[in-house]
Amino acid sequence: MDHRRRAPHALTTAAAVTALVTPDRVRLALASRDRDALEGPEPRAAVLVPLLSRGGEPSVLLTRRASHLRHHAGQYAFPGGRSDPGDLDAVSTALREAREEVGLAPEAVDVLGLLDDQPTTSRFVVTPVVGWIPHPYAYTVSDAEVALAVELPLAPFLEAPASRAMEFEGRPREVLAYEVDGHFVWGATARMLRGLALALR
């Protein structure tokens, strides 16, 4: 009989992964992987992926974009936007936009690392910046850009997303999507959350 100790099984459930979601462990997970950085002439943007602990449960802050915006109106997203000439890098862009959209002070964010760059249908290349934020926090939502700021449990986003057939800009498309507590998250935001889940595994 083989009495040698076997390595523990790899994490396969959202509950198991959630148990490891702390700032230090997320930072280590992001630092230990090769990031897919896209180069090209497309305009650059960045978003903040704000993680937090709410009652001991890892959660994530999302916004629903205002209905009058030109791009991705009414969709769930992370605070973020186009890079300005004065921004030093993607982190500066993400922190500036988070302050403008939800009143999150840059010094309140513990930046943990970057996820893979994501191209969007609006022809931007978006860099997701993962950060840890305090809870509770008194958000100040910009009505010009944001219809809603909501904290959702992270565990459902660590499961595999569903594939949904949708009509977008007049054309049928298959998209990745999550439905969490009545909030329907799809598109680039769903892909970023999927990337976070894979990094944490």
N, C-alpha and C. Protein backbone atom coordinates (compact mmCIF):
# COMPACT_ATOMS: atom_id res chain seq x y z
N MET A 1 0.85 -1.19 0.00
CA MET A 1 0.00 0.00 0.00
C MET A 1 0.88 1.24 0.00
N ASP A 2 0.49 2.22 -0.79
CA ASP A 2 1.27 3.45 -0.90
C ASP A 2 0.84 4.40 0.23
N HIS A 3 1.79 4.65 1.18
CA HIS A 3 1.48 5.51 2.31
C HIS A 3 2.03 6.92 2.12
N ARG A 4 2.55 7.23 0.94
CA ARG A 4 3.09 8.57 0.73
C ARG A 4 1.96 9.60 0.76
N ARG A 5 2.29 10.76 1.29
CA ARG A 5 1.27 11.82 1.37
C ARG A 5 1.03 12.40 -0.01
N ARG A 6 -0.21 12.56 -0.33
CA ARG A 6 -0.57 13.14 -1.63
C ARG A 6 -0.84 14.62 -1.45
N ALA A 7 -0.58 15.38 -2.51
CA ALA A 7 -0.86 16.81 -2.47
C ALA A 7 -2.36 17.03 -2.36
N PRO A 8 -2.77 18.08 -1.65
CA PRO A 8 -4.21 18.35 -1.54
C PRO A 8 -4.81 18.62 -2.91
N HIS A 9 -6.10 18.31 -3.04
CA HIS A 9 -6.78 18.55 -4.30
C HIS A 9 -6.76 20.03 -4.64
N ALA A 10 -6.68 20.34 -5.91
CA ALA A 10 -6.76 21.73 -6.36
C ALA A 10 -8.13 22.30 -6.00
N LEU A 11 -8.13 23.60 -5.77
CA LEU A 11 -9.40 24.25 -5.46
C LEU A 11 -10.33 24.17 -6.66
N THR A 12 -11.53 23.68 -6.44
CA THR A 12 -12.46 23.54 -7.56
C THR A 12 -13.79 24.21 -7.30
N THR A 13 -14.06 24.64 -6.09
CA THR A 13 -15.35 25.24 -5.81
C THR A 13 -15.19 26.70 -5.44
N ALA A 14 -16.26 27.46 -5.70
CA ALA A 14 -16.24 28.87 -5.37
C ALA A 14 -16.06 29.07 -3.87
N ALA A 15 -16.67 28.19 -3.06
CA ALA A 15 -16.54 28.33 -1.61
C ALA A 15 -15.09 28.17 -1.18
N ALA A 16 -14.38 27.22 -1.80
CA ALA A 16 -12.98 27.02 -1.44
C ALA A 16 -12.14 28.22 -1.85
N VAL A 17 -12.40 28.75 -3.03
CA VAL A 17 -11.63 29.90 -3.49
C VAL A 17 -11.94 31.12 -2.62
N THR A 18 -13.21 31.30 -2.28
CA THR A 18 -13.60 32.45 -1.47
C THR A 18 -12.86 32.46 -0.14
N ALA A 19 -12.60 31.29 0.42
CA ALA A 19 -11.89 31.20 1.69
C ALA A 19 -10.48 31.77 1.59
N LEU A 20 -9.95 31.86 0.38
CA LEU A 20 -8.59 32.36 0.18
C LEU A 20 -8.55 33.82 -0.28
N VAL A 21 -9.69 34.49 -0.34
CA VAL A 21 -9.72 35.85 -0.86
C VAL A 21 -9.41 36.84 0.26
N THR A 22 -8.13 37.12 0.41
CA THR A 22 -7.64 38.16 1.31
C THR A 22 -6.73 39.06 0.48
N PRO A 23 -6.47 40.29 0.92
CA PRO A 23 -5.59 41.15 0.11
C PRO A 23 -4.25 40.51 -0.22
N ASP A 24 -3.60 39.90 0.76
CA ASP A 24 -2.27 39.32 0.51
C ASP A 24 -2.34 38.17 -0.48
N ARG A 25 -3.37 37.34 -0.37
CA ARG A 25 -3.46 36.18 -1.26
C ARG A 25 -3.83 36.59 -2.68
N VAL A 26 -4.69 37.59 -2.81
CA VAL A 26 -5.01 38.08 -4.15
C VAL A 26 -3.77 38.72 -4.78
N ARG A 27 -3.03 39.50 -4.00
CA ARG A 27 -1.81 40.13 -4.51
C ARG A 27 -0.83 39.07 -5.02
N LEU A 28 -0.66 38.01 -4.24
CA LEU A 28 0.26 36.93 -4.62
C LEU A 28 -0.23 36.22 -5.88
N ALA A 29 -1.52 35.96 -5.96
CA ALA A 29 -2.08 35.26 -7.13
C ALA A 29 -1.86 36.08 -8.40
N LEU A 30 -2.05 37.39 -8.32
CA LEU A 30 -1.88 38.23 -9.50
C LEU A 30 -0.40 38.37 -9.89
N ALA A 31 0.47 38.41 -8.89
CA ALA A 31 1.90 38.58 -9.17
C ALA A 31 2.54 37.32 -9.74
N SER A 32 1.92 36.16 -9.50
CA SER A 32 2.54 34.90 -9.89
C SER A 32 2.06 34.39 -11.24
N ARG A 33 1.40 35.23 -12.01
CA ARG A 33 0.90 34.80 -13.31
C ARG A 33 1.42 35.73 -14.39
N ASP A 34 1.42 35.24 -15.63
CA ASP A 34 1.79 36.06 -16.78
C ASP A 34 0.56 36.81 -17.26
N ARG A 35 0.62 38.13 -17.25
CA ARG A 35 -0.52 38.94 -17.64
C ARG A 35 -0.54 39.15 -19.15
N ASP A 36 -1.71 39.11 -19.75
CA ASP A 36 -1.88 39.36 -21.18
C ASP A 36 -2.03 40.86 -21.38
N ALA A 37 -0.94 41.51 -21.78
CA ALA A 37 -0.94 42.96 -22.01
C ALA A 37 -1.04 43.23 -23.51
N LEU A 38 -2.06 43.94 -23.93
CA LEU A 38 -2.29 44.20 -25.36
C LEU A 38 -1.66 45.52 -25.76
N GLU A 39 -0.96 45.50 -26.87
CA GLU A 39 -0.36 46.71 -27.42
C GLU A 39 -1.07 47.06 -28.72
N GLY A 40 -1.08 48.34 -29.05
CA GLY A 40 -1.71 48.72 -30.31
C GLY A 40 -2.15 50.16 -30.29
N PRO A 41 -2.73 50.62 -31.40
CA PRO A 41 -3.11 52.02 -31.53
C PRO A 41 -4.44 52.36 -30.86
N GLU A 42 -5.17 51.36 -30.37
CA GLU A 42 -6.49 51.62 -29.79
C GLU A 42 -6.36 52.52 -28.57
N PRO A 43 -7.38 53.36 -28.34
CA PRO A 43 -7.37 54.18 -27.13
C PRO A 43 -7.37 53.31 -25.88
N ARG A 44 -6.70 53.80 -24.84
CA ARG A 44 -6.56 53.04 -23.61
C ARG A 44 -7.56 53.50 -22.56
N ALA A 45 -7.95 52.56 -21.73
CA ALA A 45 -8.82 52.86 -20.60
C ALA A 45 -8.43 51.92 -19.46
N ALA A 46 -8.93 52.22 -18.27
CA ALA A 46 -8.66 51.36 -17.12
C ALA A 46 -9.88 51.39 -16.20
N VAL A 47 -10.07 50.30 -15.49
CA VAL A 47 -11.14 50.23 -14.50
C VAL A 47 -10.56 49.72 -13.20
N LEU A 48 -11.23 50.07 -12.10
CA LEU A 48 -10.88 49.53 -10.80
C LEU A 48 -11.83 48.38 -10.47
N VAL A 49 -11.26 47.23 -10.12
CA VAL A 49 -12.04 46.08 -9.68
C VAL A 49 -11.97 46.09 -8.15
N PRO A 50 -12.94 46.72 -7.48
CA PRO A 50 -12.82 46.94 -6.03
C PRO A 50 -13.36 45.76 -5.23
N LEU A 51 -12.46 45.06 -4.54
CA LEU A 51 -12.85 43.97 -3.67
C LEU A 51 -12.95 44.50 -2.23
N LEU A 52 -13.79 43.85 -1.43
CA LEU A 52 -13.98 44.28 -0.05
C LEU A 52 -14.50 43.11 0.76
N SER A 53 -14.43 43.24 2.07
CA SER A 53 -14.99 42.23 2.96
C SER A 53 -16.21 42.84 3.63
N ARG A 54 -17.36 42.26 3.37
CA ARG A 54 -18.63 42.75 3.92
C ARG A 54 -19.18 41.69 4.86
N GLY A 55 -19.09 41.96 6.17
CA GLY A 55 -19.52 40.97 7.15
C GLY A 55 -18.71 39.69 7.07
N GLY A 56 -17.43 39.79 6.72
CA GLY A 56 -16.58 38.62 6.58
C GLY A 56 -16.70 37.91 5.25
N GLU A 57 -17.58 38.38 4.37
CA GLU A 57 -17.79 37.75 3.06
C GLU A 57 -17.12 38.58 1.97
N PRO A 58 -16.18 37.99 1.21
CA PRO A 58 -15.59 38.73 0.10
C PRO A 58 -16.65 39.18 -0.88
N SER A 59 -16.58 40.45 -1.27
CA SER A 59 -17.57 41.04 -2.15
C SER A 59 -16.87 41.91 -3.18
N VAL A 60 -17.63 42.41 -4.14
CA VAL A 60 -17.08 43.25 -5.20
C VAL A 60 -18.04 44.40 -5.45
N LEU A 61 -17.49 45.58 -5.68
CA LEU A 61 -18.29 46.76 -5.98
C LEU A 61 -18.45 46.90 -7.49
N LEU A 62 -19.70 47.02 -7.93
CA LEU A 62 -20.01 47.25 -9.34
C LEU A 62 -20.88 48.50 -9.45
N THR A 63 -20.88 49.10 -10.62
CA THR A 63 -21.78 50.21 -10.90
C THR A 63 -22.69 49.82 -12.07
N ARG A 64 -23.84 50.47 -12.14
CA ARG A 64 -24.66 50.40 -13.36
C ARG A 64 -24.57 51.75 -14.03
N ARG A 65 -24.13 51.72 -15.28
CA ARG A 65 -23.87 52.96 -16.00
C ARG A 65 -25.18 53.71 -16.29
N ALA A 66 -25.09 55.03 -16.29
CA ALA A 66 -26.26 55.85 -16.54
C ALA A 66 -26.82 55.57 -17.93
N SER A 67 -28.12 55.71 -18.09
CA SER A 67 -28.80 55.32 -19.33
C SER A 67 -28.51 56.26 -20.49
N HIS A 68 -28.00 57.47 -20.22
CA HIS A 68 -27.78 58.43 -21.30
C HIS A 68 -26.36 58.38 -21.86
N LEU A 69 -25.50 57.52 -21.31
CA LEU A 69 -24.11 57.50 -21.77
C LEU A 69 -24.00 56.93 -23.18
N ARG A 70 -22.97 57.36 -23.89
CA ARG A 70 -22.79 56.96 -25.29
C ARG A 70 -22.41 55.48 -25.40
N HIS A 71 -21.52 55.02 -24.53
CA HIS A 71 -21.04 53.63 -24.60
C HIS A 71 -21.56 52.83 -23.41
N HIS A 72 -22.10 51.64 -23.69
CA HIS A 72 -22.48 50.66 -22.66
C HIS A 72 -23.49 51.23 -21.66
N ALA A 73 -24.42 52.04 -22.14
CA ALA A 73 -25.43 52.65 -21.27
C ALA A 73 -26.25 51.56 -20.58
N GLY A 74 -26.49 51.75 -19.28
CA GLY A 74 -27.32 50.84 -18.52
C GLY A 74 -26.66 49.52 -18.14
N GLN A 75 -25.44 49.28 -18.57
CA GLN A 75 -24.77 48.02 -18.27
C GLN A 75 -24.03 48.10 -16.94
N TYR A 76 -23.80 46.93 -16.35
CA TYR A 76 -23.00 46.86 -15.13
C TYR A 76 -21.52 46.91 -15.51
N ALA A 77 -20.77 47.63 -14.71
CA ALA A 77 -19.36 47.87 -15.02
C ALA A 77 -18.60 48.10 -13.73
N PHE A 78 -17.29 48.23 -13.88
CA PHE A 78 -16.45 48.69 -12.78
C PHE A 78 -16.20 50.18 -12.96
N PRO A 79 -15.95 50.91 -11.87
CA PRO A 79 -15.59 52.31 -12.02
C PRO A 79 -14.35 52.45 -12.92
N GLY A 80 -14.44 53.31 -13.91
CA GLY A 80 -13.30 53.46 -14.80
C GLY A 80 -13.64 54.25 -16.03
N GLY A 81 -12.64 54.43 -16.89
CA GLY A 81 -12.86 55.18 -18.11
C GLY A 81 -11.57 55.39 -18.87
N ARG A 82 -11.64 56.29 -19.83
CA ARG A 82 -10.53 56.55 -20.74
C ARG A 82 -9.36 57.21 -20.03
N SER A 83 -8.15 56.82 -20.43
CA SER A 83 -6.95 57.42 -19.86
C SER A 83 -6.81 58.86 -20.32
N ASP A 84 -6.42 59.72 -19.40
CA ASP A 84 -6.15 61.13 -19.69
C ASP A 84 -4.65 61.33 -19.88
N PRO A 85 -4.26 62.38 -20.62
CA PRO A 85 -2.82 62.63 -20.81
C PRO A 85 -2.06 62.79 -19.50
N GLY A 86 -2.72 63.28 -18.46
CA GLY A 86 -2.04 63.48 -17.19
C GLY A 86 -1.90 62.24 -16.34
N ASP A 87 -2.52 61.12 -16.75
CA ASP A 87 -2.42 59.89 -15.98
C ASP A 87 -1.05 59.24 -16.17
N LEU A 88 -0.44 58.81 -15.09
CA LEU A 88 0.88 58.18 -15.18
C LEU A 88 0.81 56.79 -15.78
N ASP A 89 -0.26 56.06 -15.46
CA ASP A 89 -0.40 54.67 -15.91
C ASP A 89 -1.84 54.23 -15.70
N ALA A 90 -2.08 52.94 -15.91
CA ALA A 90 -3.44 52.41 -15.77
C ALA A 90 -3.95 52.55 -14.35
N VAL A 91 -3.07 52.38 -13.37
CA VAL A 91 -3.48 52.52 -11.97
C VAL A 91 -3.98 53.93 -11.70
N SER A 92 -3.24 54.94 -12.19
CA SER A 92 -3.68 56.33 -11.99
C SER A 92 -5.04 56.58 -12.64
N THR A 93 -5.24 56.03 -13.85
CA THR A 93 -6.53 56.20 -14.52
C THR A 93 -7.66 55.57 -13.70
N ALA A 94 -7.45 54.34 -13.26
CA ALA A 94 -8.49 53.63 -12.52
C ALA A 94 -8.84 54.35 -11.22
N LEU A 95 -7.83 54.83 -10.50
CA LEU A 95 -8.09 55.50 -9.22
C LEU A 95 -8.76 56.85 -9.44
N ARG A 96 -8.35 57.58 -10.47
CA ARG A 96 -8.98 58.87 -10.77
C ARG A 96 -10.44 58.67 -11.12
N GLU A 97 -10.72 57.70 -11.98
CA GLU A 97 -12.10 57.46 -12.40
C GLU A 97 -12.97 56.97 -11.25
N ALA A 98 -12.41 56.14 -10.37
CA ALA A 98 -13.18 55.65 -9.22
C ALA A 98 -13.54 56.81 -8.29
N ARG A 99 -12.64 57.76 -8.15
CA ARG A 99 -12.95 58.94 -7.33
C ARG A 99 -14.05 59.76 -7.98
N GLU A 100 -13.98 59.93 -9.31
CA GLU A 100 -14.98 60.74 -10.01
C GLU A 100 -16.36 60.07 -10.01
N GLU A 101 -16.40 58.74 -10.16
CA GLU A 101 -17.68 58.04 -10.34
C GLU A 101 -18.37 57.69 -9.03
N VAL A 102 -17.60 57.24 -8.03
CA VAL A 102 -18.23 56.80 -6.78
C VAL A 102 -17.63 57.45 -5.53
N GLY A 103 -16.75 58.45 -5.72
CA GLY A 103 -16.19 59.16 -4.58
C GLY A 103 -15.20 58.36 -3.76
N LEU A 104 -14.56 57.37 -4.37
CA LEU A 104 -13.60 56.53 -3.67
C LEU A 104 -12.23 57.21 -3.66
N ALA A 105 -11.75 57.57 -2.49
CA ALA A 105 -10.46 58.26 -2.38
C ALA A 105 -9.32 57.32 -2.78
N PRO A 106 -8.38 57.79 -3.61
CA PRO A 106 -7.28 56.92 -4.03
C PRO A 106 -6.50 56.32 -2.86
N GLU A 107 -6.33 57.09 -1.78
CA GLU A 107 -5.57 56.58 -0.65
C GLU A 107 -6.32 55.49 0.12
N ALA A 108 -7.60 55.31 -0.17
CA ALA A 108 -8.38 54.26 0.49
C ALA A 108 -8.23 52.92 -0.21
N VAL A 109 -7.59 52.91 -1.38
CA VAL A 109 -7.49 51.69 -2.21
C VAL A 109 -6.11 51.05 -2.03
N ASP A 110 -6.09 49.80 -1.66
CA ASP A 110 -4.86 49.00 -1.64
C ASP A 110 -4.77 48.27 -2.98
N VAL A 111 -3.92 48.77 -3.88
CA VAL A 111 -3.81 48.19 -5.22
C VAL A 111 -3.09 46.84 -5.12
N LEU A 112 -3.74 45.80 -5.66
CA LEU A 112 -3.23 44.43 -5.53
C LEU A 112 -2.57 43.90 -6.79
N GLY A 113 -2.91 44.45 -7.95
CA GLY A 113 -2.31 43.97 -9.20
C GLY A 113 -3.24 44.18 -10.38
N LEU A 114 -2.82 43.67 -11.53
CA LEU A 114 -3.56 43.87 -12.78
C LEU A 114 -4.04 42.54 -13.35
N LEU A 115 -5.20 42.58 -13.97
CA LEU A 115 -5.70 41.46 -14.74
C LEU A 115 -5.36 41.66 -16.21
N ASP A 116 -5.72 40.69 -17.05
CA ASP A 116 -5.45 40.78 -18.49
C ASP A 116 -6.18 41.97 -19.11
N ASP A 117 -5.52 42.63 -20.06
CA ASP A 117 -6.18 43.68 -20.83
C ASP A 117 -7.36 43.11 -21.59
N GLN A 118 -8.41 43.92 -21.73
CA GLN A 118 -9.62 43.47 -22.41
C GLN A 118 -9.98 44.44 -23.54
N PRO A 119 -10.11 43.96 -24.78
CA PRO A 119 -10.66 44.81 -25.84
C PRO A 119 -12.17 44.89 -25.68
N THR A 120 -12.76 46.01 -26.02
CA THR A 120 -14.21 46.17 -25.90
C THR A 120 -14.82 46.49 -27.26
N THR A 121 -16.14 46.36 -27.32
CA THR A 121 -16.85 46.66 -28.57
C THR A 121 -16.78 48.14 -28.92
N SER A 122 -16.48 48.99 -27.94
CA SER A 122 -16.31 50.42 -28.21
C SER A 122 -14.89 50.75 -28.65
N ARG A 123 -14.10 49.71 -28.94
CA ARG A 123 -12.75 49.82 -29.52
C ARG A 123 -11.73 50.42 -28.56
N PHE A 124 -11.92 50.19 -27.29
CA PHE A 124 -10.92 50.54 -26.29
C PHE A 124 -10.20 49.27 -25.85
N VAL A 125 -8.98 49.45 -25.36
CA VAL A 125 -8.28 48.39 -24.64
C VAL A 125 -8.30 48.79 -23.17
N VAL A 126 -8.92 47.95 -22.34
CA VAL A 126 -9.14 48.28 -20.93
C VAL A 126 -8.23 47.43 -20.04
N THR A 127 -7.53 48.09 -19.13
CA THR A 127 -6.71 47.40 -18.14
C THR A 127 -7.46 47.35 -16.81
N PRO A 128 -7.79 46.16 -16.30
CA PRO A 128 -8.45 46.06 -15.00
C PRO A 128 -7.42 46.09 -13.87
N VAL A 129 -7.62 47.00 -12.93
CA VAL A 129 -6.74 47.16 -11.78
C VAL A 129 -7.50 46.65 -10.55
N VAL A 130 -6.98 45.61 -9.93
CA VAL A 130 -7.65 45.03 -8.77
C VAL A 130 -7.19 45.75 -7.51
N GLY A 131 -8.16 46.17 -6.67
CA GLY A 131 -7.82 46.83 -5.43
C GLY A 131 -8.71 46.37 -4.30
N TRP A 132 -8.24 46.55 -3.09
CA TRP A 132 -9.02 46.23 -1.88
C TRP A 132 -9.45 47.53 -1.23
N ILE A 133 -10.73 47.64 -0.90
CA ILE A 133 -11.25 48.89 -0.35
C ILE A 133 -11.89 48.62 1.01
N PRO A 134 -11.96 49.64 1.86
CA PRO A 134 -12.57 49.45 3.18
C PRO A 134 -14.08 49.31 3.10
N HIS A 135 -14.63 48.68 4.13
CA HIS A 135 -16.09 48.56 4.25
C HIS A 135 -16.46 48.74 5.72
N PRO A 136 -17.49 49.53 6.00
CA PRO A 136 -18.33 50.28 5.03
C PRO A 136 -17.60 51.51 4.50
N TYR A 137 -18.09 52.02 3.38
CA TYR A 137 -17.52 53.22 2.78
C TYR A 137 -18.67 54.10 2.29
N ALA A 138 -18.55 55.39 2.53
CA ALA A 138 -19.61 56.32 2.11
C ALA A 138 -19.37 56.74 0.66
N TYR A 139 -19.92 55.96 -0.28
CA TYR A 139 -19.75 56.28 -1.69
C TYR A 139 -20.52 57.56 -2.02
N THR A 140 -19.97 58.32 -2.95
CA THR A 140 -20.65 59.50 -3.49
C THR A 140 -20.79 59.29 -4.99
N VAL A 141 -21.97 58.89 -5.41
CA VAL A 141 -22.19 58.49 -6.80
C VAL A 141 -22.38 59.71 -7.69
N SER A 142 -21.68 59.73 -8.82
CA SER A 142 -21.83 60.80 -9.82
C SER A 142 -23.05 60.50 -10.69
N ASP A 143 -24.10 61.30 -10.55
CA ASP A 143 -25.32 61.07 -11.34
C ASP A 143 -25.07 61.20 -12.84
N ALA A 144 -24.03 61.92 -13.23
CA ALA A 144 -23.75 62.11 -14.64
C ALA A 144 -23.27 60.82 -15.30
N GLU A 145 -22.72 59.89 -14.50
CA GLU A 145 -22.13 58.68 -15.08
C GLU A 145 -22.72 57.39 -14.53
N VAL A 146 -23.21 57.43 -13.30
CA VAL A 146 -23.56 56.19 -12.60
C VAL A 146 -25.01 56.24 -12.13
N ALA A 147 -25.76 55.18 -12.45
CA ALA A 147 -27.14 55.08 -11.97
C ALA A 147 -27.21 54.36 -10.63
N LEU A 148 -26.23 53.48 -10.36
CA LEU A 148 -26.29 52.66 -9.15
C LEU A 148 -24.89 52.15 -8.82
N ALA A 149 -24.56 52.13 -7.53
CA ALA A 149 -23.36 51.45 -7.04
C ALA A 149 -23.82 50.35 -6.10
N VAL A 150 -23.36 49.12 -6.32
CA VAL A 150 -23.87 47.97 -5.56
C VAL A 150 -22.72 47.04 -5.19
N GLU A 151 -22.74 46.56 -3.95
CA GLU A 151 -21.78 45.57 -3.48
C GLU A 151 -22.43 44.19 -3.58
N LEU A 152 -21.80 43.29 -4.32
CA LEU A 152 -22.34 41.95 -4.54
C LEU A 152 -21.36 40.90 -4.01
N PRO A 153 -21.87 39.77 -3.52
CA PRO A 153 -20.97 38.71 -3.05
C PRO A 153 -20.09 38.21 -4.19
N LEU A 154 -18.83 37.94 -3.86
CA LEU A 154 -17.88 37.53 -4.90
C LEU A 154 -18.06 36.06 -5.29
N ALA A 155 -18.50 35.22 -4.37
CA ALA A 155 -18.54 33.77 -4.62
C ALA A 155 -19.25 33.39 -5.92
N PRO A 156 -20.43 33.95 -6.24
CA PRO A 156 -21.09 33.53 -7.49
C PRO A 156 -20.26 33.87 -8.74
N PHE A 157 -19.42 34.90 -8.65
CA PHE A 157 -18.60 35.28 -9.80
C PHE A 157 -17.38 34.37 -9.95
N LEU A 158 -17.14 33.51 -8.96
CA LEU A 158 -16.04 32.56 -9.06
C LEU A 158 -16.47 31.24 -9.68
N GLU A 159 -17.76 31.10 -9.93
CA GLU A 159 -18.26 29.96 -10.69
C GLU A 159 -18.16 30.27 -12.18
N ALA A 160 -18.23 29.24 -13.01
CA ALA A 160 -18.20 29.46 -14.46
C ALA A 160 -19.44 30.25 -14.89
N PRO A 161 -19.26 31.29 -15.70
CA PRO A 161 -20.42 32.06 -16.16
C PRO A 161 -21.24 31.28 -17.18
N ALA A 162 -22.49 31.69 -17.32
CA ALA A 162 -23.34 31.09 -18.34
C ALA A 162 -23.06 31.74 -19.69
N SER A 163 -23.37 31.02 -20.75
CA SER A 163 -23.31 31.59 -22.09
C SER A 163 -24.72 31.97 -22.51
N ARG A 164 -24.93 33.21 -22.86
CA ARG A 164 -26.26 33.71 -23.19
C ARG A 164 -26.30 34.22 -24.63
N ALA A 165 -27.39 33.93 -25.31
CA ALA A 165 -27.63 34.50 -26.63
C ALA A 165 -28.35 35.83 -26.41
N MET A 166 -27.77 36.93 -26.94
CA MET A 166 -28.34 38.25 -26.77
C MET A 166 -28.28 39.01 -28.09
N GLU A 167 -29.13 39.98 -28.21
CA GLU A 167 -29.03 40.90 -29.34
C GLU A 167 -28.36 42.18 -28.84
N PHE A 168 -27.26 42.53 -29.50
CA PHE A 168 -26.50 43.70 -29.10
C PHE A 168 -26.19 44.53 -30.33
N GLU A 169 -26.59 45.78 -30.29
CA GLU A 169 -26.40 46.70 -31.43
C GLU A 169 -26.97 46.09 -32.70
N GLY A 170 -28.13 45.45 -32.56
CA GLY A 170 -28.85 44.94 -33.71
C GLY A 170 -28.37 43.60 -34.23
N ARG A 171 -27.41 42.98 -33.55
CA ARG A 171 -26.87 41.70 -34.01
C ARG A 171 -26.92 40.67 -32.89
N PRO A 172 -27.24 39.40 -33.22
CA PRO A 172 -27.21 38.35 -32.19
C PRO A 172 -25.78 38.03 -31.80
N ARG A 173 -25.56 37.82 -30.49
CA ARG A 173 -24.23 37.49 -30.00
C ARG A 173 -24.34 36.50 -28.87
N GLU A 174 -23.30 35.67 -28.72
CA GLU A 174 -23.17 34.80 -27.55
C GLU A 174 -22.23 35.50 -26.58
N VAL A 175 -22.69 35.71 -25.35
CA VAL A 175 -21.88 36.43 -24.38
C VAL A 175 -21.79 35.64 -23.08
N LEU A 176 -20.71 35.89 -22.33
CA LEU A 176 -20.60 35.36 -20.97
C LEU A 176 -21.42 36.25 -20.05
N ALA A 177 -22.11 35.65 -19.10
CA ALA A 177 -22.98 36.44 -18.23
C ALA A 177 -23.13 35.78 -16.87
N TYR A 178 -23.32 36.62 -15.86
CA TYR A 178 -23.64 36.18 -14.50
C TYR A 178 -24.94 36.88 -14.09
N GLU A 179 -25.75 36.19 -13.31
CA GLU A 179 -26.90 36.84 -12.69
C GLU A 179 -26.78 36.63 -11.19
N VAL A 180 -26.55 37.71 -10.46
CA VAL A 180 -26.29 37.65 -9.03
C VAL A 180 -27.23 38.60 -8.31
N ASP A 181 -28.03 38.06 -7.43
CA ASP A 181 -28.97 38.86 -6.64
C ASP A 181 -29.81 39.80 -7.51
N GLY A 182 -30.21 39.30 -8.67
CA GLY A 182 -31.05 40.10 -9.56
C GLY A 182 -30.30 41.07 -10.45
N HIS A 183 -28.98 41.06 -10.41
CA HIS A 183 -28.17 41.96 -11.24
C HIS A 183 -27.53 41.14 -12.36
N PHE A 184 -27.74 41.57 -13.61
CA PHE A 184 -27.27 40.83 -14.78
C PHE A 184 -25.98 41.47 -15.29
N VAL A 185 -24.89 40.75 -15.17
CA VAL A 185 -23.55 41.26 -15.50
C VAL A 185 -23.02 40.47 -16.70
N TRP A 186 -22.64 41.15 -17.76
CA TRP A 186 -22.20 40.46 -18.96
C TRP A 186 -21.12 41.29 -19.66
N GLY A 187 -20.67 40.79 -20.82
CA GLY A 187 -19.71 41.53 -21.64
C GLY A 187 -18.33 41.60 -21.02
N ALA A 188 -17.64 42.72 -21.24
CA ALA A 188 -16.26 42.86 -20.78
C ALA A 188 -16.15 42.72 -19.27
N THR A 189 -17.15 43.21 -18.54
CA THR A 189 -17.11 43.10 -17.08
C THR A 189 -17.16 41.64 -16.65
N ALA A 190 -18.01 40.84 -17.29
CA ALA A 190 -18.06 39.41 -17.00
C ALA A 190 -16.73 38.74 -17.34
N ARG A 191 -16.11 39.14 -18.44
CA ARG A 191 -14.82 38.54 -18.80
C ARG A 191 -13.75 38.90 -17.77
N MET A 192 -13.78 40.11 -17.26
CA MET A 192 -12.81 40.49 -16.22
C MET A 192 -13.01 39.69 -14.94
N LEU A 193 -14.27 39.50 -14.56
CA LEU A 193 -14.55 38.70 -13.37
C LEU A 193 -14.13 37.25 -13.58
N ARG A 194 -14.33 36.74 -14.78
CA ARG A 194 -13.87 35.38 -15.09
C ARG A 194 -12.35 35.31 -14.99
N GLY A 195 -11.66 36.34 -15.48
CA GLY A 195 -10.21 36.38 -15.38
C GLY A 195 -9.74 36.41 -13.93
N LEU A 196 -10.46 37.15 -13.09
CA LEU A 196 -10.12 37.18 -11.66
C LEU A 196 -10.30 35.80 -11.04
N ALA A 197 -11.42 35.13 -11.38
CA ALA A 197 -11.67 33.80 -10.84
C ALA A 197 -10.56 32.82 -11.23
N LEU A 198 -10.14 32.86 -12.48
CA LEU A 198 -9.09 31.95 -12.94
C LEU A 198 -7.77 32.26 -12.26
N ALA A 199 -7.47 33.54 -12.04
CA ALA A 199 -6.24 33.92 -11.36
C ALA A 199 -6.25 33.40 -9.91
N LEU A 200 -7.39 33.47 -9.25
CA LEU A 200 -7.47 33.04 -7.86
C LEU A 200 -7.40 31.52 -7.73
N ARG A 201 -7.76 30.79 -8.77
CA ARG A 201 -7.68 29.33 -8.72
C ARG A 201 -6.25 28.85 -8.89
